[in-house]
Amino acid sequence: MSRTEPAAGGPIAVLERFYAAEAVYMNAGGALAGADFAEMAATLHEDVVLHQSPDLPWGGEFVGHTGYEEWARLMSTAFEHLEVRGARFFVEGDTVVILCQLVTRSRATGEELDEPMAQVVRVRGDRIAEFRPFYWNVPRYVRASPGVTR
């Protein structure tokens, strides 16, 4: 992982905790398998806002822990595996830009998607306050998520 943040802790540590918790949740089967959202929630500010492209089956805005958990339910319905690989972090104050590969496996088709993704994240204290992901090849994600709707 590339870092522009000089010391341990801070926004990058928050994001690393989030990615680890997200992988545990998703790879445990997510909402369909009754996976515990608490570890992921512990990395999110109570007023977190997730902005997803309206072109995705899980698109729209998700607010607070309840909203974020709804997004996690939709993603875990679409994908049985999710992993962020090769994350590079660029930090400016409370904002982090992440460049990475998002690796997922569709529940419906079994297809593995390994696509570039960028995220802009704001961190408040030791929690994530805002997420704005940018997916590469949105039509491929849509095809891999049949039947998933918000």
C-alpha atoms as a PDB file:
ATOM      1  CA  MET A   1       0.000   0.000   0.000  1.00  0.00           C
ATOM      2  CA  SER A   2       1.240   3.445  -0.826  1.00  0.00           C
ATOM      3  CA  ARG A   3       0.822   6.094   1.814  1.00  0.00           C
ATOM      4  CA  THR A   4       1.196   9.819   1.840  1.00  0.00           C
ATOM      5  CA  GLU A   5       0.367   9.982   5.545  1.00  0.00           C
ATOM      6  CA  PRO A   6       3.605  10.012   7.576  1.00  0.00           C
ATOM      7  CA  ALA A   7       2.549   8.438  10.862  1.00  0.00           C
ATOM      8  CA  ALA A   8       0.588   5.394  11.960  1.00  0.00           C
ATOM      9  CA  GLY A   9      -3.008   6.059  12.853  1.00  0.00           C
ATOM     10  CA  GLY A  10      -5.144   8.774  11.359  1.00  0.00           C
ATOM     11  CA  PRO A  11      -7.362   8.444   8.288  1.00  0.00           C
ATOM     12  CA  ILE A  12      -5.443   5.566   6.685  1.00  0.00           C
ATOM     13  CA  ALA A  13      -5.709   3.446   9.835  1.00  0.00           C
ATOM     14  CA  VAL A  14      -9.460   4.130   9.921  1.00  0.00           C
ATOM     15  CA  LEU A  15      -9.802   3.015   6.299  1.00  0.00           C
ATOM     16  CA  GLU A  16      -7.688  -0.099   6.843  1.00  0.00           C
ATOM     17  CA  ARG A  17      -9.956  -1.084   9.780  1.00  0.00           C
ATOM     18  CA  PHE A  18     -13.014  -0.460   7.605  1.00  0.00           C
ATOM     19  CA  TYR A  19     -11.717  -2.543   4.670  1.00  0.00           C
ATOM     20  CA  ALA A  20     -10.850  -5.431   6.993  1.00  0.00           C
ATOM     21  CA  ALA A  21     -14.300  -5.322   8.620  1.00  0.00           C
ATOM     22  CA  GLU A  22     -16.037  -5.027   5.238  1.00  0.00           C
ATOM     23  CA  ALA A  23     -14.185  -8.102   3.930  1.00  0.00           C
ATOM     24  CA  VAL A  24     -15.118 -10.118   7.039  1.00  0.00           C
ATOM     25  CA  TYR A  25     -18.794  -9.128   6.682  1.00  0.00           C
ATOM     26  CA  MET A  26     -19.008  -9.783   2.949  1.00  0.00           C
ATOM     27  CA  ASN A  27     -16.997 -12.999   2.973  1.00  0.00           C
ATOM     28  CA  ALA A  28     -19.104 -14.341   5.870  1.00  0.00           C
ATOM     29  CA  GLY A  29     -22.102 -14.121   3.538  1.00  0.00           C
ATOM     30  CA  GLY A  30     -23.284 -10.645   4.482  1.00  0.00           C
ATOM     31  CA  ALA A  31     -26.907 -10.057   5.363  1.00  0.00           C
ATOM     32  CA  LEU A  32     -28.049 -13.269   3.645  1.00  0.00           C
ATOM     33  CA  ALA A  33     -26.032 -15.320   6.124  1.00  0.00           C
ATOM     34  CA  GLY A  34     -26.752 -13.115   9.138  1.00  0.00           C
ATOM     35  CA  ALA A  35     -23.207 -11.689   9.273  1.00  0.00           C
ATOM     36  CA  ASP A  36     -22.644  -9.161  12.050  1.00  0.00           C
ATOM     37  CA  PHE A  37     -22.539  -5.552  10.834  1.00  0.00           C
ATOM     38  CA  ALA A  38     -21.227  -4.244  14.196  1.00  0.00           C
ATOM     39  CA  GLU A  39     -17.515  -4.400  13.311  1.00  0.00           C
ATOM     40  CA  MET A  40     -18.074  -2.396  10.140  1.00  0.00           C
ATOM     41  CA  ALA A  41     -20.402   0.034  11.958  1.00  0.00           C
ATOM     42  CA  ALA A  42     -17.655   0.695  14.531  1.00  0.00           C
ATOM     43  CA  THR A  43     -15.573   2.345  11.767  1.00  0.00           C
ATOM     44  CA  LEU A  44     -18.415   4.616  10.586  1.00  0.00           C
ATOM     45  CA  HIS A  45     -19.512   7.959  12.006  1.00  0.00           C
ATOM     46  CA  GLU A  46     -23.125   7.839  13.207  1.00  0.00           C
ATOM     47  CA  ASP A  47     -24.067  10.347  10.458  1.00  0.00           C
ATOM     48  CA  VAL A  48     -22.020   8.677   7.690  1.00  0.00           C
ATOM     49  CA  VAL A  49     -23.191   9.351   4.133  1.00  0.00           C
ATOM     50  CA  LEU A  50     -22.443   6.927   1.302  1.00  0.00           C
ATOM     51  CA  HIS A  51     -22.964   8.298  -2.219  1.00  0.00           C
ATOM     52  CA  GLN A  52     -23.336   5.524  -4.830  1.00  0.00           C
ATOM     53  CA  SER A  53     -23.760   6.059  -8.572  1.00  0.00           C
ATOM     54  CA  PRO A  54     -27.459   6.106  -9.488  1.00  0.00           C
ATOM     55  CA  ASP A  55     -26.576   3.800 -12.405  1.00  0.00           C
ATOM     56  CA  LEU A  56     -25.888   0.876 -10.047  1.00  0.00           C
ATOM     57  CA  PRO A  57     -28.505  -1.514  -8.609  1.00  0.00           C
ATOM     58  CA  TRP A  58     -27.323  -0.356  -5.170  1.00  0.00           C
ATOM     59  CA  GLY A  59     -27.240   3.298  -6.227  1.00  0.00           C
ATOM     60  CA  GLY A  60     -28.313   6.369  -4.312  1.00  0.00           C
ATOM     61  CA  GLU A  61     -27.463   7.888  -0.962  1.00  0.00           C
ATOM     62  CA  PHE A  62     -27.269   5.869   2.233  1.00  0.00           C
ATOM     63  CA  VAL A  63     -27.297   7.854   5.481  1.00  0.00           C
ATOM     64  CA  GLY A  64     -26.274   6.782   8.973  1.00  0.00           C
ATOM     65  CA  HIS A  65     -25.577   3.266  10.201  1.00  0.00           C
ATOM     66  CA  THR A  66     -29.036   2.090   9.111  1.00  0.00           C
ATOM     67  CA  GLY A  67     -28.501   3.384   5.587  1.00  0.00           C
ATOM     68  CA  TYR A  68     -25.013   1.948   5.355  1.00  0.00           C
ATOM     69  CA  GLU A  69     -26.240  -1.415   6.577  1.00  0.00           C
ATOM     70  CA  GLU A  70     -28.906  -1.334   3.834  1.00  0.00           C
ATOM     71  CA  TRP A  71     -26.140  -0.774   1.258  1.00  0.00           C
ATOM     72  CA  ALA A  72     -24.148  -3.664   2.751  1.00  0.00           C
ATOM     73  CA  ARG A  73     -27.245  -5.868   2.457  1.00  0.00           C
ATOM     74  CA  LEU A  74     -27.603  -4.980  -1.226  1.00  0.00           C
ATOM     75  CA  MET A  75     -23.903  -5.555  -1.952  1.00  0.00           C
ATOM     76  CA  SER A  76     -23.865  -8.880  -0.118  1.00  0.00           C
ATOM     77  CA  THR A  77     -26.966  -9.909  -2.075  1.00  0.00           C
ATOM     78  CA  ALA A  78     -25.118  -9.154  -5.329  1.00  0.00           C
ATOM     79  CA  PHE A  79     -21.646 -10.431  -4.389  1.00  0.00           C
ATOM     80  CA  GLU A  80     -20.439 -13.392  -2.348  1.00  0.00           C
ATOM     81  CA  HIS A  81     -16.873 -12.090  -2.191  1.00  0.00           C
ATOM     82  CA  LEU A  82     -15.495  -8.573  -1.938  1.00  0.00           C
ATOM     83  CA  GLU A  83     -11.899  -7.518  -1.536  1.00  0.00           C
ATOM     84  CA  VAL A  84     -10.029  -4.226  -1.911  1.00  0.00           C
ATOM     85  CA  ARG A  85      -6.546  -4.914  -3.323  1.00  0.00           C
ATOM     86  CA  GLY A  86      -3.506  -2.719  -3.807  1.00  0.00           C
ATOM     87  CA  ALA A  87      -4.984   0.321  -2.077  1.00  0.00           C
ATOM     88  CA  ARG A  88      -2.964   3.502  -2.456  1.00  0.00           C
ATOM     89  CA  PHE A  89      -3.932   6.351  -0.142  1.00  0.00           C
ATOM     90  CA  PHE A  90      -3.514  10.078  -0.763  1.00  0.00           C
ATOM     91  CA  VAL A  91      -4.352  12.202   2.270  1.00  0.00           C
ATOM     92  CA  GLU A  92      -5.137  15.910   2.458  1.00  0.00           C
ATOM     93  CA  GLY A  93      -6.474  16.917   5.873  1.00  0.00           C
ATOM     94  CA  ASP A  94      -9.623  14.884   6.576  1.00  0.00           C
ATOM     95  CA  THR A  95      -9.992  13.739   2.949  1.00  0.00           C
ATOM     96  CA  VAL A  96      -8.473  10.585   1.509  1.00  0.00           C
ATOM     97  CA  VAL A  97      -8.415   9.545  -2.135  1.00  0.00           C
ATOM     98  CA  ILE A  98      -7.997   5.806  -2.567  1.00  0.00           C
ATOM     99  CA  LEU A  99      -6.966   4.109  -5.805  1.00  0.00           C
ATOM    100  CA  CYS A 100      -7.427   0.344  -5.735  1.00  0.00           C
ATOM    101  CA  GLN A 101      -8.707  -2.798  -7.413  1.00  0.00           C
ATOM    102  CA  LEU A 102     -12.150  -3.955  -6.317  1.00  0.00           C
ATOM    103  CA  VAL A 103     -12.423  -7.727  -6.605  1.00  0.00           C
ATOM    104  CA  THR A 104     -15.901  -9.216  -6.324  1.00  0.00           C
ATOM    105  CA  ARG A 105     -17.651 -12.461  -7.261  1.00  0.00           C
ATOM    106  CA  SER A 106     -21.268 -12.348  -8.417  1.00  0.00           C
ATOM    107  CA  ARG A 107     -23.698 -14.552  -6.513  1.00  0.00           C
ATOM    108  CA  ALA A 108     -25.930 -14.817  -9.590  1.00  0.00           C
ATOM    109  CA  THR A 109     -23.358 -15.582 -12.279  1.00  0.00           C
ATOM    110  CA  GLY A 110     -20.227 -16.712 -10.412  1.00  0.00           C
ATOM    111  CA  GLU A 111     -18.247 -14.187 -12.466  1.00  0.00           C
ATOM    112  CA  GLU A 112     -15.248 -12.586 -10.775  1.00  0.00           C
ATOM    113  CA  LEU A 113     -14.886  -8.880 -11.400  1.00  0.00           C
ATOM    114  CA  ASP A 114     -11.468  -7.329 -10.873  1.00  0.00           C
ATOM    115  CA  GLU A 115     -11.850  -3.661 -11.754  1.00  0.00           C
ATOM    116  CA  PRO A 116     -10.120  -0.397 -10.852  1.00  0.00           C
ATOM    117  CA  MET A 117     -11.940   1.842  -8.420  1.00  0.00           C
ATOM    118  CA  ALA A 118     -11.326   5.267  -6.914  1.00  0.00           C
ATOM    119  CA  GLN A 119     -12.902   6.525  -3.704  1.00  0.00           C
ATOM    120  CA  VAL A 120     -13.034   9.899  -2.041  1.00  0.00           C
ATOM    121  CA  VAL A 121     -13.507   9.510   1.706  1.00  0.00           C
ATOM    122  CA  ARG A 122     -13.845  12.044   4.507  1.00  0.00           C
ATOM    123  CA  VAL A 123     -12.816  10.980   7.992  1.00  0.00           C
ATOM    124  CA  ARG A 124     -14.019  12.699  11.146  1.00  0.00           C
ATOM    125  CA  GLY A 125     -11.974  11.745  14.200  1.00  0.00           C
ATOM    126  CA  ASP A 126     -11.581   7.983  14.144  1.00  0.00           C
ATOM    127  CA  ARG A 127     -14.637   7.284  11.961  1.00  0.00           C
ATOM    128  CA  ILE A 128     -15.590   7.528   8.289  1.00  0.00           C
ATOM    129  CA  ALA A 129     -18.016  10.413   7.697  1.00  0.00           C
ATOM    130  CA  GLU A 130     -18.485  10.236   3.929  1.00  0.00           C
ATOM    131  CA  PHE A 131     -17.795   7.792   1.085  1.00  0.00           C
ATOM    132  CA  ARG A 132     -17.979   8.508  -2.634  1.00  0.00           C
ATOM    133  CA  PRO A 133     -16.801   5.524  -4.750  1.00  0.00           C
ATOM    134  CA  PHE A 134     -16.196   5.660  -8.505  1.00  0.00           C
ATOM    135  CA  TYR A 135     -16.475   2.252 -10.176  1.00  0.00           C
ATOM    136  CA  TRP A 136     -14.853   1.355 -13.466  1.00  0.00           C
ATOM    137  CA  ASN A 137     -17.117  -0.479 -15.953  1.00  0.00           C
ATOM    138  CA  VAL A 138     -20.470   0.181 -14.278  1.00  0.00           C
ATOM    139  CA  PRO A 139     -22.386  -1.849 -16.928  1.00  0.00           C
ATOM    140  CA  ARG A 140     -20.407  -4.942 -15.926  1.00  0.00           C
ATOM    141  CA  TYR A 141     -21.436  -4.489 -12.275  1.00  0.00           C
ATOM    142  CA  VAL A 142     -25.056  -4.070 -13.346  1.00  0.00           C
ATOM    143  CA  ARG A 143     -24.935  -7.320 -15.387  1.00  0.00           C
ATOM    144  CA  ALA A 144     -23.350  -9.142 -12.429  1.00  0.00           C
ATOM    145  CA  SER A 145     -26.181  -8.015 -10.100  1.00  0.00           C
ATOM    146  CA  PRO A 146     -29.441  -9.248 -11.674  1.00  0.00           C
ATOM    147  CA  GLY A 147     -32.428  -8.942  -9.373  1.00  0.00           C
ATOM    148  CA  VAL A 148     -30.699  -6.591  -6.932  1.00  0.00           C
ATOM    149  CA  THR A 149     -32.755  -3.429  -6.460  1.00  0.00           C
ATOM    150  CA  ARG A 150     -32.994  -0.795  -3.828  1.00  0.00           C
END
